[in-house]
Amino acid sequence: MVDPAHPLYGRRFPFISLSHSPRGSRHVLVAYQKDILVRIPVCATSLCTEPLPLTNTKLSFDAVSELLDLARQLGISPKKRGAL
């Protein structure tokens, strides 16, 4: 799994098959556990030929905004670069 936004990111699974849906999406079937198969979008895997989106976070813009608001309420401010 090469997509940082995918819940199984960083894990490796045995490849079973590749499928195409009528709507054009492609999925990989992998062996998750002994008796469990999981269907994963091709672009979440190393088989993807398209570049990954620039987003490398699972947090939404709203979630980050809320986190920054909470930090401000608690009086926490980010350290400035070069400051000790």
Protein backbone atom coordinates (compact mmCIF):
# COMPACT_ATOMS: atom_id res chain seq x y z
CA MET A 1 0.00 0.00 0.00
CA VAL A 2 1.60 3.24 -1.13
CA ASP A 3 -1.21 5.76 -0.57
CA PRO A 4 -0.66 7.47 2.83
CA ALA A 5 -4.39 8.26 3.01
CA HIS A 6 -5.36 4.56 2.82
CA PRO A 7 -5.97 2.82 6.18
CA LEU A 8 -3.67 -0.06 5.19
CA TYR A 9 -0.81 2.24 4.13
CA GLY A 10 2.65 0.71 4.42
CA ARG A 11 1.45 -2.88 4.58
CA ARG A 12 2.09 -5.59 1.99
CA PHE A 13 -0.36 -8.27 0.88
CA PRO A 14 -0.21 -11.21 -1.53
CA PHE A 15 -1.72 -10.29 -4.91
CA ILE A 16 -4.69 -12.39 -6.05
CA SER A 17 -6.16 -10.62 -9.09
CA LEU A 18 -6.87 -7.36 -10.90
CA SER A 19 -10.42 -6.34 -11.85
CA HIS A 20 -12.08 -3.59 -13.87
CA SER A 21 -15.58 -2.29 -13.16
CA PRO A 22 -17.98 -1.19 -15.91
CA ARG A 23 -17.54 2.40 -14.66
CA GLY A 24 -13.82 2.25 -15.39
CA SER A 25 -12.44 1.88 -11.85
CA ARG A 26 -9.77 -0.74 -11.26
CA HIS A 27 -9.26 -2.79 -8.10
CA VAL A 28 -6.76 -5.28 -6.81
CA LEU A 29 -7.88 -8.30 -4.84
CA VAL A 30 -5.37 -9.20 -2.12
CA ALA A 31 -5.16 -11.82 0.62
CA TYR A 32 -5.61 -9.85 3.83
CA GLN A 33 -5.53 -12.82 6.19
CA LYS A 34 -5.74 -16.57 5.73
CA ASP A 35 -9.42 -16.62 4.72
CA ILE A 36 -10.07 -12.92 4.03
CA LEU A 37 -9.77 -11.26 0.64
CA VAL A 38 -9.85 -7.45 0.34
CA ARG A 39 -10.59 -5.35 -2.74
CA ILE A 40 -8.37 -2.25 -2.89
CA PRO A 41 -8.32 0.58 -5.47
CA VAL A 42 -5.33 0.14 -7.79
CA CYS A 43 -4.15 3.70 -7.11
CA ALA A 44 -3.67 2.88 -3.42
CA THR A 45 -1.11 0.26 -4.48
CA SER A 46 2.27 0.21 -6.18
CA LEU A 47 0.48 -0.90 -9.38
CA CYS A 48 -0.90 2.59 -9.92
CA THR A 49 0.37 4.31 -13.07
CA GLU A 50 -1.06 7.73 -12.11
CA PRO A 51 0.78 10.03 -9.67
CA LEU A 52 -0.53 10.06 -6.11
CA PRO A 53 -2.48 13.14 -5.04
CA LEU A 54 -0.39 15.82 -3.34
CA THR A 55 -2.30 15.34 -0.10
CA ASN A 56 -0.28 13.18 2.31
CA THR A 57 -2.56 13.54 5.28
CA LYS A 58 -5.69 11.90 6.55
CA LEU A 59 -6.78 15.17 8.16
CA SER A 60 -9.22 17.42 6.39
CA PHE A 61 -8.77 21.18 6.18
CA ASP A 62 -11.61 21.61 8.73
CA ALA A 63 -9.92 19.20 11.17
CA VAL A 64 -6.61 21.08 10.95
CA SER A 65 -8.43 24.40 11.46
CA GLU A 66 -10.16 23.05 14.57
CA LEU A 67 -6.84 21.77 15.90
CA LEU A 68 -5.22 25.18 15.41
CA ASP A 69 -8.17 26.91 17.12
CA LEU A 70 -7.84 24.55 20.09
CA ALA A 71 -4.09 25.22 20.30
CA ARG A 72 -4.77 28.96 20.35
CA GLN A 73 -7.38 28.54 23.10
CA LEU A 74 -4.85 26.62 25.18
CA GLY A 75 -2.22 29.29 24.61
CA ILE A 76 0.02 27.04 22.53
CA SER A 77 1.86 28.75 19.71
CA PRO A 78 4.17 27.18 17.14
CA LYS A 79 7.87 27.78 17.59
CA LYS A 80 9.41 30.11 15.04
CA ARG A 81 12.14 28.70 12.83
CA GLY A 82 15.57 29.44 14.15
CA ALA A 83 14.30 30.20 17.67
CA LEU A 84 15.49 28.17 20.62
